[in-house]
């Protein structure tokens, strides 16, 4: 294995204090809250299947024809 040192990129600060003098503990608490609210990756949105409770087919009624057991099938849940 080789010891590779990650390249440091000089980027603009993500959070900037414009007033006051927060302690390192206060900044850590703020960054923890912001990280929790920020959520995950943007690619995760909409990857789960919608619930069957919200499916419009649940509001439709199937047609029951005459025959043996039709009266029972008309009252039983699908």
Protein backbone atom coordinates (compact mmCIF):
# COMPACT_ATOMS: atom_id res chain seq x y z
CA UNK A 1 0.00 0.00 0.00
CA UNK A 2 1.11 3.52 -0.63
CA UNK A 3 0.44 6.48 1.58
CA UNK A 4 -1.38 8.93 -0.61
CA UNK A 5 -2.02 12.40 0.70
CA UNK A 6 -5.32 13.89 -0.50
CA UNK A 7 -4.98 17.07 -2.47
CA UNK A 8 -6.19 20.14 -0.57
CA UNK A 9 -8.50 22.34 -2.59
CA UNK A 10 -8.73 25.99 -1.60
CA UNK A 11 -12.49 26.63 -1.69
CA UNK A 12 -14.69 29.41 -0.46
CA UNK A 13 -16.05 28.94 3.07
CA UNK A 14 -19.45 27.30 3.33
CA UNK A 15 -20.46 29.09 6.54
CA UNK A 16 -19.41 32.59 7.44
CA UNK A 17 -19.94 34.33 10.80
CA UNK A 18 -21.05 37.90 10.16
CA UNK A 19 -21.70 39.03 13.74
CA UNK A 20 -20.67 37.93 17.21
CA UNK A 21 -17.99 35.60 18.42
CA UNK A 22 -19.30 32.01 18.55
CA UNK A 23 -17.36 29.39 20.44
CA UNK A 24 -16.11 26.29 18.63
CA UNK A 25 -18.84 24.30 20.41
CA UNK A 26 -21.55 26.64 19.11
CA UNK A 27 -20.18 26.38 15.56
CA UNK A 28 -20.07 22.59 15.85
CA UNK A 29 -23.70 22.53 17.02
CA UNK A 30 -24.74 24.79 14.14
CA UNK A 31 -22.94 22.69 11.55
CA UNK A 32 -24.47 19.51 12.99
CA UNK A 33 -27.98 20.95 12.64
CA UNK A 34 -27.28 22.19 9.11
CA UNK A 35 -25.90 18.79 8.10
CA UNK A 36 -28.97 17.03 9.51
CA UNK A 37 -31.42 19.37 7.79
CA UNK A 38 -29.50 19.27 4.52
CA UNK A 39 -30.34 15.61 4.01
CA UNK A 40 -28.53 13.29 1.69
CA UNK A 41 -27.61 13.18 -1.94
CA UNK A 42 -29.93 14.90 -4.43
CA UNK A 43 -30.06 11.67 -6.46
CA UNK A 44 -32.01 9.93 -3.67
CA UNK A 45 -35.20 11.85 -4.37
CA UNK A 46 -37.99 9.76 -5.85
CA UNK A 47 -36.21 6.41 -5.72
CA UNK A 48 -38.84 4.72 -3.56
CA UNK A 49 -42.01 3.29 -5.05
CA UNK A 50 -45.21 5.18 -4.23
CA UNK A 51 -47.50 3.66 -1.63
CA UNK A 52 -50.41 1.56 -2.85
CA UNK A 53 -52.66 3.64 -0.56
CA UNK A 54 -52.15 6.63 -2.86
CA UNK A 55 -52.82 4.68 -6.07
CA UNK A 56 -55.85 5.96 -8.01
CA UNK A 57 -56.89 2.40 -8.82
CA UNK A 58 -58.03 2.01 -5.23
CA UNK A 59 -60.87 4.46 -5.87
CA UNK A 60 -62.16 2.48 -8.85
CA UNK A 61 -64.63 -0.35 -8.51
CA UNK A 62 -64.34 -3.44 -10.62
CA UNK A 63 -67.43 -4.72 -12.40
CA UNK A 64 -68.88 -7.93 -11.03
CA UNK A 65 -70.94 -10.04 -13.36
CA UNK A 66 -73.74 -12.37 -12.44
CA UNK A 67 -72.78 -15.86 -11.41
CA UNK A 68 -72.22 -18.09 -8.45
CA UNK A 69 -70.48 -16.24 -5.64
CA UNK A 70 -70.98 -12.81 -7.23
CA UNK A 71 -72.88 -11.52 -4.22
CA UNK A 72 -69.98 -12.56 -1.97
CA UNK A 73 -67.33 -11.05 -4.26
CA UNK A 74 -69.18 -7.73 -4.41
CA UNK A 75 -68.85 -7.19 -0.67
CA UNK A 76 -65.43 -8.60 -0.02
CA UNK A 77 -62.40 -6.32 -0.08
CA UNK A 78 -59.96 -6.80 -2.90
